[in-house]
Amino acid sequence: MKYRWVDNNSDVRIAAVDLETGVIEINRQNWNQFSPFEKKYILLHEEGHYKLQTDSEIQADLYAINRVAGIEPKSLKKSIDTLYKVGILDETRIYELYKNALK
């Protein structure tokens, strides 16, 4: 994956991927507020959109959690905390992460 820094003048609040090119744009001003795990999760989430060629936030979440599960301690909790930190309060997305973890 390729990355490109953008500033607050762009439409990108934290990170976004171009589904055609796979380039992930990262908002430089907002990026440093995140921990290394949160950054990894956000980038994997955007990679999920591209690799799966989907606009589905749930599918991108599942892609990201499946890549950190078993590698990162407390990955489910950290993933959910990341969603809350970026302002995602969608209970359906949270439920899907839990459901996936319990498979």
Protein backbone atom coordinates (compact mmCIF):
# COMPACT_ATOMS: atom_id res chain seq x y z
CA MET A 1 0.00 0.00 0.00
CA LYS A 2 1.11 3.54 -0.68
CA TYR A 3 0.47 6.47 1.63
CA ARG A 4 0.08 10.18 1.08
CA TRP A 5 -0.06 12.89 3.70
CA VAL A 6 -2.86 15.45 3.48
CA ASP A 7 -3.68 18.44 5.65
CA ASN A 8 -6.84 19.72 7.32
CA ASN A 9 -7.93 21.41 4.09
CA SER A 10 -8.72 18.01 2.58
CA ASP A 11 -11.90 15.99 3.09
CA VAL A 12 -9.90 13.34 4.97
CA ARG A 13 -10.47 13.61 8.72
CA ILE A 14 -8.11 10.75 9.70
CA ALA A 15 -7.47 8.37 6.80
CA ALA A 16 -9.16 7.28 3.58
CA VAL A 17 -8.27 4.98 0.70
CA ASP A 18 -8.79 5.46 -3.01
CA LEU A 19 -10.49 2.23 -4.11
CA GLU A 20 -8.98 2.49 -7.59
CA THR A 21 -5.34 3.18 -6.73
CA GLY A 22 -5.05 1.80 -3.19
CA VAL A 23 -3.36 5.00 -2.01
CA ILE A 24 -4.23 5.76 1.61
CA GLU A 25 -4.42 9.45 2.43
CA ILE A 26 -3.56 10.29 6.04
CA ASN A 27 -4.40 13.57 7.74
CA ARG A 28 -1.05 14.76 9.09
CA GLN A 29 -2.55 17.03 11.77
CA ASN A 30 -4.74 14.32 13.31
CA TRP A 31 -2.45 11.30 12.95
CA ASN A 32 -0.22 11.82 15.99
CA GLN A 33 -3.11 11.61 18.44
CA PHE A 34 -3.22 7.85 17.87
CA SER A 35 -1.19 5.08 19.52
CA PRO A 36 0.86 2.68 17.40
CA PHE A 37 -1.91 0.05 17.68
CA GLU A 38 -4.59 2.54 16.67
CA LYS A 39 -2.55 3.63 13.66
CA LYS A 40 -2.08 0.00 12.63
CA TYR A 41 -5.80 -0.70 12.98
CA ILE A 42 -6.79 2.41 11.01
CA LEU A 43 -4.38 1.57 8.18
CA LEU A 44 -5.55 -2.06 8.10
CA HIS A 45 -9.16 -0.87 8.04
CA GLU A 46 -8.40 1.30 4.98
CA GLU A 47 -6.43 -1.56 3.39
CA GLY A 48 -9.51 -3.73 3.93
CA HIS A 49 -11.64 -1.34 1.90
CA TYR A 50 -9.15 -1.59 -0.95
CA LYS A 51 -8.37 -5.33 -0.83
CA LEU A 52 -12.04 -6.25 -0.56
CA GLN A 53 -13.11 -3.46 -2.94
CA THR A 54 -15.90 -2.47 -0.60
CA ASP A 55 -17.45 0.62 0.95
CA SER A 56 -18.67 -1.54 3.84
CA GLU A 57 -17.30 -0.25 7.13
CA ILE A 58 -18.14 -3.55 8.82
CA GLN A 59 -16.21 -5.60 6.25
CA ALA A 60 -13.22 -3.25 6.57
CA ASP A 61 -13.42 -3.54 10.39
CA LEU A 62 -13.46 -7.33 10.17
CA TYR A 63 -10.52 -7.31 7.77
CA ALA A 64 -8.52 -5.19 10.25
CA ILE A 65 -9.44 -7.17 13.36
CA ASN A 66 -8.61 -10.47 11.67
CA ARG A 67 -5.11 -9.16 10.95
CA VAL A 68 -4.39 -8.03 14.51
CA ALA A 69 -6.18 -10.83 16.38
CA GLY A 70 -3.76 -13.22 18.02
CA ILE A 71 -0.81 -10.95 17.27
CA GLU A 72 -1.68 -7.96 19.42
CA PRO A 73 -2.66 -8.50 23.08
CA LYS A 74 -6.23 -7.37 23.81
CA SER A 75 -6.77 -6.71 20.10
CA LEU A 76 -10.59 -6.81 20.27
CA LYS A 77 -10.72 -4.27 23.10
CA LYS A 78 -8.12 -2.05 21.45
CA SER A 79 -9.97 -2.23 18.11
CA ILE A 80 -13.25 -1.22 19.71
CA ASP A 81 -11.51 1.54 21.66
CA THR A 82 -10.06 2.79 18.36
CA LEU A 83 -13.52 2.96 16.80
CA TYR A 84 -14.81 4.96 19.75
CA LYS A 85 -11.77 7.26 19.64
CA VAL A 86 -12.38 8.13 15.98
CA GLY A 87 -16.02 8.84 16.79
CA ILE A 88 -17.67 5.63 15.61
CA LEU A 89 -20.58 4.89 17.93
CA ASP A 90 -22.33 2.46 15.58
CA GLU A 91 -23.43 -0.46 17.77
CA THR A 92 -23.86 -2.70 14.70
CA ARG A 93 -20.15 -2.37 13.90
CA ILE A 94 -19.20 -3.12 17.50
CA TYR A 95 -21.55 -6.12 17.59
CA GLU A 96 -20.02 -7.53 14.39
CA LEU A 97 -16.52 -7.33 15.90
CA TYR A 98 -17.68 -9.22 18.98
CA LYS A 99 -19.55 -11.78 16.90
CA ASN A 100 -16.46 -12.36 14.75
CA ALA A 101 -14.27 -12.76 17.86
CA LEU A 102 -16.59 -15.42 19.26
CA LYS A 103 -16.50 -17.64 16.17
